Amino acid sequence: MNVNRTTIFILRQRLHKTNTVSDRPRSGRPGCTTQRQDRNLVRNHMNNRFLSVSASASSRQTKGINNQLLSANTVRRRLSTSGIRARRPYIGPILIQRHRHHRTLWAQEHAA
């Protein structure tokens, strides 16, 4: 399996002790949004994806736990973890295979 024996031993102990091999919760800074708020944020962006709502605009409208406004970076991180990336639509001529072929021929004729 190409894994160290110690790793297998630790996972086996964890399986016998907790009936699962997943990591246990760790201490750390609590999140500023709940999972429900994260889902709502993603849903709002998916429903309004063509209105080009930015993360900073969403952060000004969204309140987290304790009614604090979220930072734009927090909104970007939540969207990024759900697989939504910021991208701009392609601006330019839409080329089909025939167009590409004719453009290449034209470029080769005029390059020499």
N, C-alpha and C. Protein backbone atom coordinates (compact mmCIF):
# COMPACT_ATOMS: atom_id res chain seq x y z
N MET A 1 0.82 -1.20 0.00
CA MET A 1 0.00 0.00 0.00
C MET A 1 0.86 1.25 0.00
N ASN A 2 2.16 1.10 0.13
CA ASN A 2 3.07 2.22 0.10
C ASN A 2 2.79 3.22 1.22
N VAL A 3 2.48 2.70 2.41
CA VAL A 3 2.21 3.52 3.59
C VAL A 3 3.05 2.98 4.73
N ASN A 4 3.50 3.86 5.58
CA ASN A 4 4.33 3.47 6.70
C ASN A 4 3.53 2.56 7.65
N ARG A 5 4.21 1.63 8.29
CA ARG A 5 3.55 0.71 9.23
C ARG A 5 2.96 1.45 10.41
N THR A 6 3.61 2.51 10.84
CA THR A 6 3.10 3.28 11.97
C THR A 6 1.75 3.91 11.64
N THR A 7 1.60 4.38 10.42
CA THR A 7 0.34 4.98 10.00
C THR A 7 -0.79 3.96 10.07
N ILE A 8 -0.51 2.75 9.60
CA ILE A 8 -1.51 1.68 9.64
C ILE A 8 -1.86 1.35 11.09
N PHE A 9 -0.86 1.29 11.93
CA PHE A 9 -1.08 0.97 13.35
C PHE A 9 -1.95 2.04 14.01
N ILE A 10 -1.67 3.31 13.74
CA ILE A 10 -2.44 4.40 14.35
C ILE A 10 -3.88 4.38 13.85
N LEU A 11 -4.06 4.17 12.55
CA LEU A 11 -5.42 4.12 12.01
C LEU A 11 -6.20 2.94 12.57
N ARG A 12 -5.52 1.82 12.76
CA ARG A 12 -6.19 0.65 13.32
C ARG A 12 -6.62 0.89 14.76
N GLN A 13 -5.75 1.54 15.55
CA GLN A 13 -6.11 1.88 16.93
C GLN A 13 -7.30 2.84 16.95
N ARG A 14 -7.27 3.83 16.08
CA ARG A 14 -8.35 4.81 16.03
C ARG A 14 -9.67 4.15 15.64
N LEU A 15 -9.61 3.19 14.71
CA LEU A 15 -10.81 2.48 14.29
C LEU A 15 -11.40 1.68 15.45
N HIS A 16 -10.57 1.02 16.23
CA HIS A 16 -11.07 0.24 17.37
C HIS A 16 -11.61 1.14 18.47
N LYS A 17 -11.01 2.31 18.63
CA LYS A 17 -11.40 3.20 19.72
C LYS A 17 -12.66 4.00 19.39
N THR A 18 -12.78 4.50 18.15
CA THR A 18 -13.87 5.42 17.82
C THR A 18 -14.80 4.89 16.73
N ASN A 19 -14.55 3.72 16.20
CA ASN A 19 -15.33 3.13 15.10
C ASN A 19 -15.26 3.95 13.81
N THR A 20 -14.30 4.80 13.68
CA THR A 20 -14.08 5.56 12.44
C THR A 20 -12.60 5.90 12.34
N VAL A 21 -12.14 6.16 11.12
CA VAL A 21 -10.74 6.52 10.94
C VAL A 21 -10.59 8.00 10.63
N SER A 22 -11.71 8.74 10.61
CA SER A 22 -11.62 10.17 10.31
C SER A 22 -11.04 10.93 11.50
N ASP A 23 -10.53 12.11 11.22
CA ASP A 23 -9.91 12.92 12.26
C ASP A 23 -10.94 13.39 13.27
N ARG A 24 -10.50 13.56 14.50
CA ARG A 24 -11.37 14.08 15.53
C ARG A 24 -11.35 15.60 15.48
N PRO A 25 -12.38 16.25 16.01
CA PRO A 25 -12.40 17.72 15.99
C PRO A 25 -11.22 18.29 16.77
N ARG A 26 -10.69 19.37 16.26
CA ARG A 26 -9.56 20.03 16.91
C ARG A 26 -9.98 21.40 17.40
N SER A 27 -9.21 21.90 18.31
CA SER A 27 -9.48 23.25 18.79
C SER A 27 -9.00 24.24 17.74
N GLY A 28 -9.57 25.40 17.74
CA GLY A 28 -9.18 26.42 16.78
C GLY A 28 -10.17 27.56 16.82
N ARG A 29 -9.90 28.54 16.04
CA ARG A 29 -10.79 29.69 16.00
C ARG A 29 -12.14 29.27 15.41
N PRO A 30 -13.24 29.64 16.05
CA PRO A 30 -14.55 29.27 15.51
C PRO A 30 -14.84 30.02 14.22
N GLY A 31 -15.58 29.41 13.33
CA GLY A 31 -15.91 30.03 12.07
C GLY A 31 -16.86 31.20 12.25
N CYS A 32 -16.84 32.13 11.31
CA CYS A 32 -17.69 33.32 11.42
C CYS A 32 -19.02 33.11 10.72
N THR A 33 -19.19 31.96 10.05
CA THR A 33 -20.47 31.65 9.42
C THR A 33 -20.83 30.21 9.74
N THR A 34 -22.12 29.94 9.69
CA THR A 34 -22.57 28.57 9.89
C THR A 34 -22.61 27.88 8.53
N GLN A 35 -22.80 26.57 8.53
CA GLN A 35 -22.89 25.85 7.27
C GLN A 35 -24.12 26.29 6.47
N ARG A 36 -25.17 26.61 7.18
CA ARG A 36 -26.38 27.08 6.50
C ARG A 36 -26.13 28.41 5.80
N GLN A 37 -25.42 29.32 6.46
CA GLN A 37 -25.10 30.61 5.83
C GLN A 37 -24.19 30.41 4.62
N ASP A 38 -23.27 29.45 4.72
CA ASP A 38 -22.40 29.15 3.59
C ASP A 38 -23.21 28.65 2.40
N ARG A 39 -24.16 27.76 2.66
CA ARG A 39 -25.00 27.24 1.59
C ARG A 39 -25.84 28.36 0.96
N ASN A 40 -26.38 29.25 1.79
CA ASN A 40 -27.16 30.37 1.26
C ASN A 40 -26.30 31.29 0.40
N LEU A 41 -25.08 31.53 0.83
CA LEU A 41 -24.17 32.38 0.07
C LEU A 41 -23.89 31.78 -1.30
N VAL A 42 -23.62 30.48 -1.32
CA VAL A 42 -23.35 29.80 -2.58
C VAL A 42 -24.59 29.82 -3.46
N ARG A 43 -25.75 29.55 -2.87
CA ARG A 43 -26.99 29.55 -3.64
C ARG A 43 -27.27 30.92 -4.25
N ASN A 44 -27.06 31.98 -3.48
CA ASN A 44 -27.28 33.33 -4.00
C ASN A 44 -26.37 33.63 -5.18
N HIS A 45 -25.12 33.20 -5.08
CA HIS A 45 -24.19 33.45 -6.18
C HIS A 45 -24.54 32.62 -7.41
N MET A 46 -25.01 31.40 -7.19
CA MET A 46 -25.38 30.56 -8.33
C MET A 46 -26.65 31.09 -9.00
N ASN A 47 -27.58 31.61 -8.23
CA ASN A 47 -28.82 32.14 -8.81
C ASN A 47 -28.59 33.46 -9.54
N ASN A 48 -27.61 34.24 -9.09
CA ASN A 48 -27.35 35.56 -9.68
C ASN A 48 -26.00 35.59 -10.38
N ARG A 49 -25.59 34.49 -10.98
CA ARG A 49 -24.23 34.42 -11.52
C ARG A 49 -24.03 35.34 -12.72
N PHE A 50 -25.11 35.70 -13.44
CA PHE A 50 -24.95 36.54 -14.61
C PHE A 50 -25.08 38.02 -14.27
N LEU A 51 -25.36 38.35 -13.02
CA LEU A 51 -25.43 39.74 -12.61
C LEU A 51 -24.07 40.26 -12.17
N SER A 52 -23.07 39.42 -12.25
CA SER A 52 -21.68 39.73 -11.86
C SER A 52 -21.61 40.37 -10.47
N VAL A 53 -22.22 39.69 -9.50
CA VAL A 53 -22.16 40.14 -8.12
C VAL A 53 -20.79 39.76 -7.58
N SER A 54 -20.05 40.74 -7.13
CA SER A 54 -18.70 40.48 -6.65
C SER A 54 -18.73 39.98 -5.21
N ALA A 55 -17.62 39.46 -4.76
CA ALA A 55 -17.51 38.97 -3.40
C ALA A 55 -17.59 40.13 -2.41
N SER A 56 -17.04 41.28 -2.78
CA SER A 56 -17.11 42.42 -1.86
C SER A 56 -18.54 42.94 -1.73
N ALA A 57 -19.31 42.88 -2.83
CA ALA A 57 -20.72 43.30 -2.74
C ALA A 57 -21.51 42.32 -1.88
N SER A 58 -21.22 41.04 -2.02
CA SER A 58 -21.90 40.04 -1.19
C SER A 58 -21.53 40.19 0.27
N SER A 59 -20.28 40.54 0.53
CA SER A 59 -19.84 40.68 1.92
C SER A 59 -20.54 41.85 2.60
N ARG A 60 -20.86 42.89 1.83
CA ARG A 60 -21.57 44.02 2.44
C ARG A 60 -23.02 43.69 2.77
N GLN A 61 -23.58 42.69 2.11
CA GLN A 61 -24.98 42.32 2.33
C GLN A 61 -25.15 41.16 3.30
N THR A 62 -24.11 40.38 3.53
CA THR A 62 -24.23 39.16 4.31
C THR A 62 -23.70 39.39 5.72
N LYS A 63 -24.49 38.94 6.68
CA LYS A 63 -24.06 39.01 8.07
C LYS A 63 -23.76 37.61 8.56
N GLY A 64 -22.72 37.49 9.33
CA GLY A 64 -22.32 36.20 9.87
C GLY A 64 -22.89 36.00 11.26
N ILE A 65 -22.21 35.18 12.04
CA ILE A 65 -22.60 34.95 13.42
C ILE A 65 -22.41 36.26 14.19
N ASN A 66 -23.25 36.52 15.13
CA ASN A 66 -23.23 37.73 15.96
C ASN A 66 -23.50 38.99 15.14
N ASN A 67 -24.18 38.85 14.01
CA ASN A 67 -24.56 39.99 13.15
C ASN A 67 -23.38 40.85 12.72
N GLN A 68 -22.23 40.25 12.55
CA GLN A 68 -21.08 40.98 12.04
C GLN A 68 -21.00 40.80 10.54
N LEU A 69 -20.62 41.87 9.84
CA LEU A 69 -20.46 41.76 8.39
C LEU A 69 -19.24 40.90 8.07
N LEU A 70 -19.35 40.16 7.00
CA LEU A 70 -18.25 39.30 6.58
C LEU A 70 -17.26 40.10 5.75
N SER A 71 -16.02 39.66 5.76
CA SER A 71 -15.04 40.29 4.88
C SER A 71 -15.17 39.68 3.49
N ALA A 72 -14.69 40.41 2.50
CA ALA A 72 -14.74 39.91 1.12
C ALA A 72 -13.90 38.65 0.97
N ASN A 73 -12.79 38.57 1.69
CA ASN A 73 -11.95 37.38 1.62
C ASN A 73 -12.67 36.15 2.16
N THR A 74 -13.48 36.33 3.20
CA THR A 74 -14.25 35.21 3.74
C THR A 74 -15.23 34.71 2.70
N VAL A 75 -15.90 35.62 2.01
CA VAL A 75 -16.85 35.23 0.97
C VAL A 75 -16.12 34.51 -0.14
N ARG A 76 -14.95 35.01 -0.55
CA ARG A 76 -14.17 34.35 -1.60
C ARG A 76 -13.78 32.94 -1.18
N ARG A 77 -13.36 32.77 0.06
CA ARG A 77 -12.97 31.44 0.55
C ARG A 77 -14.14 30.48 0.55
N ARG A 78 -15.30 30.95 1.00
CA ARG A 78 -16.49 30.09 1.03
C ARG A 78 -16.88 29.67 -0.39
N LEU A 79 -16.83 30.61 -1.33
CA LEU A 79 -17.18 30.28 -2.71
C LEU A 79 -16.14 29.36 -3.33
N SER A 80 -14.88 29.58 -2.98
CA SER A 80 -13.81 28.76 -3.53
C SER A 80 -13.91 27.32 -3.04
N THR A 81 -14.23 27.13 -1.77
CA THR A 81 -14.34 25.76 -1.25
C THR A 81 -15.53 25.03 -1.86
N SER A 82 -16.52 25.78 -2.35
CA SER A 82 -17.67 25.13 -2.98
C SER A 82 -17.46 24.96 -4.48
N GLY A 83 -16.32 25.41 -4.99
CA GLY A 83 -15.99 25.19 -6.39
C GLY A 83 -16.36 26.33 -7.32
N ILE A 84 -16.75 27.47 -6.78
CA ILE A 84 -17.09 28.62 -7.62
C ILE A 84 -15.85 29.49 -7.74
N ARG A 85 -15.45 29.76 -8.98
CA ARG A 85 -14.28 30.58 -9.22
C ARG A 85 -14.69 31.83 -9.94
N ALA A 86 -13.93 32.89 -9.73
CA ALA A 86 -14.18 34.13 -10.44
C ALA A 86 -13.57 34.02 -11.83
N ARG A 87 -14.36 34.32 -12.82
CA ARG A 87 -13.84 34.29 -14.19
C ARG A 87 -14.61 35.30 -15.01
N ARG A 88 -13.95 35.78 -16.03
CA ARG A 88 -14.56 36.74 -16.93
C ARG A 88 -14.92 36.04 -18.22
N PRO A 89 -16.04 36.41 -18.81
CA PRO A 89 -16.40 35.77 -20.07
C PRO A 89 -15.43 36.17 -21.18
N TYR A 90 -15.23 35.28 -22.12
CA TYR A 90 -14.35 35.54 -23.25
C TYR A 90 -14.96 36.62 -24.13
N ILE A 91 -14.16 37.63 -24.42
CA ILE A 91 -14.60 38.70 -25.31
C ILE A 91 -13.78 38.59 -26.57
N GLY A 92 -14.43 38.27 -27.65
CA GLY A 92 -13.73 38.10 -28.91
C GLY A 92 -14.60 37.32 -29.86
N PRO A 93 -14.11 37.15 -31.07
CA PRO A 93 -14.92 36.43 -32.04
C PRO A 93 -15.03 34.95 -31.69
N ILE A 94 -16.21 34.42 -31.90
CA ILE A 94 -16.41 33.00 -31.67
C ILE A 94 -15.98 32.27 -32.94
N LEU A 95 -14.96 31.44 -32.82
CA LEU A 95 -14.36 30.78 -33.98
C LEU A 95 -14.74 29.31 -34.02
N ILE A 96 -15.22 28.88 -35.16
CA ILE A 96 -15.43 27.47 -35.37
C ILE A 96 -14.19 26.93 -36.09
N GLN A 97 -14.15 25.64 -36.32
CA GLN A 97 -12.96 25.01 -36.90
C GLN A 97 -12.61 25.61 -38.27
N ARG A 98 -13.62 25.89 -39.08
CA ARG A 98 -13.39 26.47 -40.41
C ARG A 98 -12.76 27.85 -40.31
N HIS A 99 -13.23 28.67 -39.34
CA HIS A 99 -12.67 30.00 -39.16
C HIS A 99 -11.20 29.91 -38.75
N ARG A 100 -10.90 28.99 -37.84
CA ARG A 100 -9.51 28.84 -37.39
C ARG A 100 -8.61 28.45 -38.57
N HIS A 101 -9.10 27.55 -39.38
CA HIS A 101 -8.32 27.09 -40.52
C HIS A 101 -8.04 28.26 -41.48
N HIS A 102 -9.06 29.05 -41.80
CA HIS A 102 -8.87 30.19 -42.71
C HIS A 102 -7.96 31.26 -42.09
N ARG A 103 -8.07 31.48 -40.80
CA ARG A 103 -7.18 32.45 -40.14
C ARG A 103 -5.74 31.98 -40.19
N THR A 104 -5.51 30.68 -39.98
CA THR A 104 -4.16 30.14 -40.03
C THR A 104 -3.59 30.27 -41.43
N LEU A 105 -4.39 29.97 -42.44
CA LEU A 105 -3.93 30.12 -43.82
C LEU A 105 -3.57 31.56 -44.13
N TRP A 106 -4.42 32.49 -43.70
CA TRP A 106 -4.17 33.91 -43.94
C TRP A 106 -2.88 34.34 -43.26
N ALA A 107 -2.68 33.89 -42.01
CA ALA A 107 -1.49 34.27 -41.27
C ALA A 107 -0.22 33.71 -41.93
N GLN A 108 -0.31 32.49 -42.44
CA GLN A 108 0.85 31.89 -43.10
C GLN A 108 1.17 32.61 -44.40
N GLU A 109 0.16 33.05 -45.14
CA GLU A 109 0.39 33.78 -46.38
C GLU A 109 1.05 35.12 -46.12
N HIS A 110 0.62 35.79 -45.08
CA HIS A 110 1.09 37.15 -44.84
C HIS A 110 2.31 37.22 -43.93
N ALA A 111 2.71 36.10 -43.37
CA ALA A 111 3.89 36.08 -42.50
C ALA A 111 5.18 36.12 -43.33
N ALA A 112 5.12 35.58 -44.52
CA ALA A 112 6.33 35.48 -45.34
C ALA A 112 6.62 36.74 -46.09
